[in-house]
Amino acid sequence: MRDYELTLILKPDLGEEGVANTSERIKGWITGNGGEVLSVTNAGRKRLAYPIKHMRDASYVVMQVRARPEVLPGVERNLKLSEDVLRHMFLRI
């Protein structure tokens, strides 16, 4: 098992409840594939350096994840298909 940091940039129109629901859904994808979510930090809404899909603001969420490397492709596939996620990035810690 390795430690990762998952940074998510979510749509700004989700609101607090939408961000929480999206975070829970992503946690379910990780734990469903055999991973473990250690912590979730809602970094709030911030201005983007450049527009993404014509949006200037976005909500940021950072997750500390412990998982096997073979778990990540399945989770990344779901993240790419999710309409609420503008960008995501896994970093190995």
Protein backbone atom coordinates (compact mmCIF):
# COMPACT_ATOMS: atom_id res chain seq x y z
CA MET A 1 0.00 0.00 0.00
CA ARG A 2 1.24 3.46 -0.90
CA ASP A 3 0.22 6.92 0.26
CA TYR A 4 -1.19 9.37 -2.28
CA GLU A 5 -2.61 12.85 -2.26
CA LEU A 6 -5.62 13.39 -4.53
CA THR A 7 -6.33 17.01 -5.41
CA LEU A 8 -9.71 17.74 -6.97
CA ILE A 9 -10.94 20.88 -8.71
CA LEU A 10 -14.73 20.79 -8.69
CA LYS A 11 -17.37 22.90 -10.42
CA PRO A 12 -18.10 26.14 -8.55
CA ASP A 13 -21.89 25.83 -8.78
CA LEU A 14 -22.03 22.70 -6.58
CA GLY A 15 -22.22 24.57 -3.28
CA GLU A 16 -21.18 23.15 0.09
CA GLU A 17 -23.62 20.25 0.01
CA GLY A 18 -22.71 19.32 -3.57
CA VAL A 19 -19.00 19.35 -2.74
CA ALA A 20 -19.64 17.08 0.26
CA ASN A 21 -21.75 14.68 -1.84
CA THR A 22 -19.14 14.55 -4.60
CA SER A 23 -16.38 13.92 -2.04
CA GLU A 24 -18.38 11.05 -0.51
CA ARG A 25 -18.99 9.55 -3.96
CA ILE A 26 -15.25 9.67 -4.75
CA LYS A 27 -14.43 8.16 -1.35
CA GLY A 28 -16.78 5.31 -2.26
CA TRP A 29 -14.90 4.70 -5.51
CA ILE A 30 -11.60 4.53 -3.64
CA THR A 31 -12.79 2.28 -0.83
CA GLY A 32 -14.77 0.12 -3.27
CA ASN A 33 -11.56 -0.67 -5.15
CA GLY A 34 -9.66 -1.64 -2.00
CA GLY A 35 -8.18 1.73 -1.03
CA GLU A 36 -8.48 3.73 2.16
CA VAL A 37 -9.20 7.46 2.57
CA LEU A 38 -7.21 8.84 5.50
CA SER A 39 -8.46 12.45 5.45
CA VAL A 40 -10.53 14.86 3.37
CA THR A 41 -9.86 18.61 3.41
CA ASN A 42 -12.22 21.06 1.77
CA ALA A 43 -9.89 23.90 0.73
CA GLY A 44 -12.81 26.10 -0.31
CA ARG A 45 -13.60 28.08 -3.40
CA LYS A 46 -10.71 29.83 -5.17
CA ARG A 47 -10.06 31.82 -8.31
CA LEU A 48 -8.42 29.83 -11.11
CA ALA A 49 -5.27 31.04 -12.86
CA TYR A 50 -6.95 30.41 -16.21
CA PRO A 51 -10.50 29.45 -17.22
CA ILE A 52 -11.40 25.76 -17.28
CA LYS A 53 -14.54 25.03 -19.32
CA HIS A 54 -15.37 28.77 -19.22
CA MET A 55 -15.31 28.85 -15.39
CA ARG A 56 -13.14 31.31 -13.46
CA ASP A 57 -13.70 29.92 -9.92
CA ALA A 58 -13.68 26.37 -8.57
CA SER A 59 -13.93 24.42 -5.31
CA TYR A 60 -10.82 22.57 -4.17
CA VAL A 61 -10.78 19.30 -2.20
CA VAL A 62 -7.63 17.47 -1.06
CA MET A 63 -7.74 13.80 0.00
CA GLN A 64 -5.05 11.72 1.65
CA VAL A 65 -5.37 8.19 0.23
CA ARG A 66 -3.68 4.87 0.94
CA ALA A 67 -4.05 2.35 -1.88
CA ARG A 68 -2.29 -0.12 -4.13
CA PRO A 69 -1.07 1.28 -7.48
CA GLU A 70 -3.49 -0.92 -9.45
CA VAL A 71 -6.45 0.83 -7.77
CA LEU A 72 -5.68 4.22 -9.31
CA PRO A 73 -6.62 3.58 -12.99
CA GLY A 74 -10.17 2.58 -12.04
CA VAL A 75 -10.62 5.65 -9.83
CA GLU A 76 -9.10 7.95 -12.48
CA ARG A 77 -11.49 6.57 -15.08
CA ASN A 78 -14.46 7.47 -12.87
CA LEU A 79 -12.99 10.93 -12.18
CA LYS A 80 -12.63 11.61 -15.92
CA LEU A 81 -16.24 10.59 -16.52
CA SER A 82 -17.63 12.67 -13.66
CA GLU A 83 -19.13 15.96 -14.81
CA ASP A 84 -18.56 17.61 -11.42
CA VAL A 85 -14.76 17.18 -11.55
CA LEU A 86 -12.96 19.76 -13.69
CA ARG A 87 -9.43 18.51 -12.95
CA HIS A 88 -7.79 15.94 -10.68
CA MET A 89 -4.26 14.91 -9.79
CA PHE A 90 -2.81 11.98 -7.84
CA LEU A 91 0.57 12.60 -6.21
CA ARG A 92 2.58 9.88 -4.51
CA ILE A 93 3.72 11.08 -1.10
